[in-house]
């Protein structure tokens, strides 16, 4: 089993909103995931994971996806620990030498936070 952690920063004026793209290997299966907008889903946001089997036999990959949130303190030197805001486990069978794509809808409550982070200003505020 492997964990795909996808993080996004809290509202900060130091960095623009970004998405972390997670990737890894489970035996002969390589996986990569990303947080993305998806207009076909009710919440409008999803985690899209692509599994690719490089082996000669069908493989089953057990993936534990976790969406985490961390708040950035500009004056801090240490990276803050993330807090899991969404969690999903899945078992995916990937045929030999093929790839499989899974799309997991992010709940509306978490999607709202993603949309707010996307709208956050990318530049430092001016002070008078």
C-alpha atoms as a PDB file:
ATOM      1  CA  UNK A   1       0.000   0.000   0.000  1.00  0.00           C
ATOM      2  CA  UNK A   2       1.144   3.551  -0.662  1.00  0.00           C
ATOM      3  CA  UNK A   3      -0.079   6.988   0.280  1.00  0.00           C
ATOM      4  CA  UNK A   4      -0.718   9.792  -2.174  1.00  0.00           C
ATOM      5  CA  UNK A   5      -0.718  13.060  -0.276  1.00  0.00           C
ATOM      6  CA  UNK A   6      -1.930  16.125  -2.075  1.00  0.00           C
ATOM      7  CA  UNK A   7      -1.467  19.440  -0.302  1.00  0.00           C
ATOM      8  CA  UNK A   8      -2.337  23.024  -0.896  1.00  0.00           C
ATOM      9  CA  UNK A   9      -1.197  26.061   1.091  1.00  0.00           C
ATOM     10  CA  UNK A  10      -3.405  28.209   3.278  1.00  0.00           C
ATOM     11  CA  UNK A  11      -3.966  31.828   2.376  1.00  0.00           C
ATOM     12  CA  UNK A  12      -0.599  33.488   2.246  1.00  0.00           C
ATOM     13  CA  UNK A  13       0.696  36.453   0.333  1.00  0.00           C
ATOM     14  CA  UNK A  14       4.197  35.009   0.011  1.00  0.00           C
ATOM     15  CA  UNK A  15       3.357  32.357  -2.567  1.00  0.00           C
ATOM     16  CA  UNK A  16       0.582  31.893  -5.113  1.00  0.00           C
ATOM     17  CA  UNK A  17      -1.846  28.989  -4.588  1.00  0.00           C
ATOM     18  CA  UNK A  18      -0.221  25.811  -5.853  1.00  0.00           C
ATOM     19  CA  UNK A  19      -1.041  22.131  -6.031  1.00  0.00           C
ATOM     20  CA  UNK A  20       1.316  19.375  -4.999  1.00  0.00           C
ATOM     21  CA  UNK A  21       1.456  16.466  -7.418  1.00  0.00           C
ATOM     22  CA  UNK A  22       2.092  13.134  -5.756  1.00  0.00           C
ATOM     23  CA  UNK A  23       3.640  10.102  -7.410  1.00  0.00           C
ATOM     24  CA  UNK A  24       5.152   6.750  -6.530  1.00  0.00           C
ATOM     25  CA  UNK A  25       5.545   3.056  -7.292  1.00  0.00           C
ATOM     26  CA  UNK A  26       3.768  -0.052  -6.023  1.00  0.00           C
ATOM     27  CA  UNK A  27       5.631  -3.112  -7.340  1.00  0.00           C
ATOM     28  CA  UNK A  28       5.441  -2.780 -11.173  1.00  0.00           C
ATOM     29  CA  UNK A  29       2.715  -0.115 -11.034  1.00  0.00           C
ATOM     30  CA  UNK A  30       3.638   3.561 -11.201  1.00  0.00           C
ATOM     31  CA  UNK A  31       1.037   6.083 -10.089  1.00  0.00           C
ATOM     32  CA  UNK A  32       0.753   9.851 -10.232  1.00  0.00           C
ATOM     33  CA  UNK A  33      -2.002  12.095  -8.965  1.00  0.00           C
ATOM     34  CA  UNK A  34      -3.095  15.688  -9.124  1.00  0.00           C
ATOM     35  CA  UNK A  35      -5.803  17.923  -7.748  1.00  0.00           C
ATOM     36  CA  UNK A  36      -7.768  19.319 -10.660  1.00  0.00           C
ATOM     37  CA  UNK A  37     -10.975  21.134 -11.534  1.00  0.00           C
ATOM     38  CA  UNK A  38     -13.655  18.881 -13.037  1.00  0.00           C
ATOM     39  CA  UNK A  39     -16.856  20.555 -14.220  1.00  0.00           C
ATOM     40  CA  UNK A  40     -18.580  17.178 -14.597  1.00  0.00           C
ATOM     41  CA  UNK A  41     -18.553  16.611 -10.830  1.00  0.00           C
ATOM     42  CA  UNK A  42     -20.953  18.200  -8.370  1.00  0.00           C
ATOM     43  CA  UNK A  43     -18.187  19.687  -6.194  1.00  0.00           C
ATOM     44  CA  UNK A  44     -16.183  20.825  -9.231  1.00  0.00           C
ATOM     45  CA  UNK A  45     -12.892  19.364  -7.914  1.00  0.00           C
ATOM     46  CA  UNK A  46     -11.272  15.936  -8.047  1.00  0.00           C
ATOM     47  CA  UNK A  47      -8.111  14.005  -7.471  1.00  0.00           C
ATOM     48  CA  UNK A  48      -7.124  12.333 -10.740  1.00  0.00           C
ATOM     49  CA  UNK A  49      -4.777   9.354 -10.364  1.00  0.00           C
ATOM     50  CA  UNK A  50      -3.127   7.572 -13.294  1.00  0.00           C
ATOM     51  CA  UNK A  51      -1.834   4.030 -12.715  1.00  0.00           C
ATOM     52  CA  UNK A  52       0.574   2.474 -15.226  1.00  0.00           C
ATOM     53  CA  UNK A  53       1.630  -1.182 -15.112  1.00  0.00           C
ATOM     54  CA  UNK A  54       5.107  -1.732 -16.576  1.00  0.00           C
ATOM     55  CA  UNK A  55       5.079  -5.441 -15.697  1.00  0.00           C
ATOM     56  CA  UNK A  56       4.159  -8.570 -17.654  1.00  0.00           C
ATOM     57  CA  UNK A  57       1.298  -9.576 -15.317  1.00  0.00           C
ATOM     58  CA  UNK A  58      -1.856  -7.871 -14.066  1.00  0.00           C
ATOM     59  CA  UNK A  59      -1.190  -6.053 -10.786  1.00  0.00           C
ATOM     60  CA  UNK A  60      -3.492  -4.795  -8.057  1.00  0.00           C
ATOM     61  CA  UNK A  61      -2.441  -1.525  -6.435  1.00  0.00           C
ATOM     62  CA  UNK A  62      -3.912  -0.508  -3.105  1.00  0.00           C
ATOM     63  CA  UNK A  63      -3.776   3.263  -2.796  1.00  0.00           C
ATOM     64  CA  UNK A  64      -4.511   5.394   0.228  1.00  0.00           C
ATOM     65  CA  UNK A  65      -5.165   8.944  -1.052  1.00  0.00           C
ATOM     66  CA  UNK A  66      -5.135  11.795   1.406  1.00  0.00           C
ATOM     67  CA  UNK A  67      -5.761  15.482   0.838  1.00  0.00           C
ATOM     68  CA  UNK A  68      -4.022  17.582   3.467  1.00  0.00           C
ATOM     69  CA  UNK A  69      -4.018  21.243   4.355  1.00  0.00           C
ATOM     70  CA  UNK A  70      -1.282  23.188   6.056  1.00  0.00           C
ATOM     71  CA  UNK A  71      -1.121  26.811   7.066  1.00  0.00           C
ATOM     72  CA  UNK A  72       2.052  28.685   6.255  1.00  0.00           C
ATOM     73  CA  UNK A  73       3.491  31.046   8.841  1.00  0.00           C
ATOM     74  CA  UNK A  74       5.804  33.451   6.949  1.00  0.00           C
ATOM     75  CA  UNK A  75       7.975  34.083  10.032  1.00  0.00           C
ATOM     76  CA  UNK A  76       8.451  30.382  10.782  1.00  0.00           C
ATOM     77  CA  UNK A  77      11.532  28.451   9.716  1.00  0.00           C
ATOM     78  CA  UNK A  78       9.897  25.052  10.102  1.00  0.00           C
ATOM     79  CA  UNK A  79       7.448  23.537   7.655  1.00  0.00           C
ATOM     80  CA  UNK A  80       4.062  23.093   9.344  1.00  0.00           C
ATOM     81  CA  UNK A  81       2.532  19.652   9.651  1.00  0.00           C
ATOM     82  CA  UNK A  82      -0.405  18.994   7.347  1.00  0.00           C
ATOM     83  CA  UNK A  83      -3.851  18.070   8.616  1.00  0.00           C
ATOM     84  CA  UNK A  84      -5.842  15.507   6.648  1.00  0.00           C
ATOM     85  CA  UNK A  85      -9.094  17.025   5.377  1.00  0.00           C
ATOM     86  CA  UNK A  86     -10.119  14.131   3.105  1.00  0.00           C
ATOM     87  CA  UNK A  87      -9.168  10.471   2.879  1.00  0.00           C
ATOM     88  CA  UNK A  88      -9.959   7.734   0.327  1.00  0.00           C
ATOM     89  CA  UNK A  89      -8.773   4.127  -0.045  1.00  0.00           C
ATOM     90  CA  UNK A  90      -9.050   2.194  -3.294  1.00  0.00           C
ATOM     91  CA  UNK A  91      -7.805  -1.026  -4.833  1.00  0.00           C
ATOM     92  CA  UNK A  92      -7.149  -0.831  -8.572  1.00  0.00           C
ATOM     93  CA  UNK A  93      -6.315  -3.748 -10.868  1.00  0.00           C
ATOM     94  CA  UNK A  94      -4.092  -2.623 -13.733  1.00  0.00           C
ATOM     95  CA  UNK A  95      -3.640  -4.963 -16.730  1.00  0.00           C
ATOM     96  CA  UNK A  96      -0.077  -5.714 -17.882  1.00  0.00           C
ATOM     97  CA  UNK A  97       1.484  -2.928 -19.999  1.00  0.00           C
ATOM     98  CA  UNK A  98      -1.622  -0.720 -19.680  1.00  0.00           C
ATOM     99  CA  UNK A  99      -2.738   2.287 -17.680  1.00  0.00           C
ATOM    100  CA  UNK A 100      -5.886   3.045 -15.718  1.00  0.00           C
ATOM    101  CA  UNK A 101      -7.173   6.470 -14.652  1.00  0.00           C
ATOM    102  CA  UNK A 102      -9.314   6.925 -11.555  1.00  0.00           C
ATOM    103  CA  UNK A 103     -11.085  10.162 -10.641  1.00  0.00           C
ATOM    104  CA  UNK A 104     -12.091  10.702  -7.017  1.00  0.00           C
ATOM    105  CA  UNK A 105     -14.484  13.556  -6.297  1.00  0.00           C
ATOM    106  CA  UNK A 106     -13.413  15.883  -3.522  1.00  0.00           C
ATOM    107  CA  UNK A 107     -16.252  16.705  -1.084  1.00  0.00           C
ATOM    108  CA  UNK A 108     -17.920  20.096  -1.535  1.00  0.00           C
ATOM    109  CA  UNK A 109     -16.715  21.397   1.853  1.00  0.00           C
ATOM    110  CA  UNK A 110     -13.076  20.815   0.880  1.00  0.00           C
ATOM    111  CA  UNK A 111     -13.653  21.939  -2.716  1.00  0.00           C
ATOM    112  CA  UNK A 112     -14.847  25.282  -1.359  1.00  0.00           C
ATOM    113  CA  UNK A 113     -11.465  25.764   0.322  1.00  0.00           C
ATOM    114  CA  UNK A 114      -9.628  24.852  -2.889  1.00  0.00           C
ATOM    115  CA  UNK A 115     -11.645  27.398  -4.844  1.00  0.00           C
ATOM    116  CA  UNK A 116     -10.928  30.075  -2.210  1.00  0.00           C
ATOM    117  CA  UNK A 117      -7.187  29.346  -2.375  1.00  0.00           C
ATOM    118  CA  UNK A 118      -7.292  29.575  -6.157  1.00  0.00           C
ATOM    119  CA  UNK A 119      -8.868  33.027  -5.861  1.00  0.00           C
ATOM    120  CA  UNK A 120      -6.290  34.248  -3.299  1.00  0.00           C
ATOM    121  CA  UNK A 121      -4.198  37.154  -4.542  1.00  0.00           C
ATOM    122  CA  UNK A 122      -0.802  36.110  -5.871  1.00  0.00           C
ATOM    123  CA  UNK A 123       0.943  39.298  -4.864  1.00  0.00           C
ATOM    124  CA  UNK A 124       1.751  40.920  -1.559  1.00  0.00           C
ATOM    125  CA  UNK A 125      -0.821  43.390  -0.275  1.00  0.00           C
ATOM    126  CA  UNK A 126       0.213  47.035  -0.183  1.00  0.00           C
ATOM    127  CA  UNK A 127       0.274  48.824   3.134  1.00  0.00           C
ATOM    128  CA  UNK A 128      -0.292  52.498   3.707  1.00  0.00           C
END
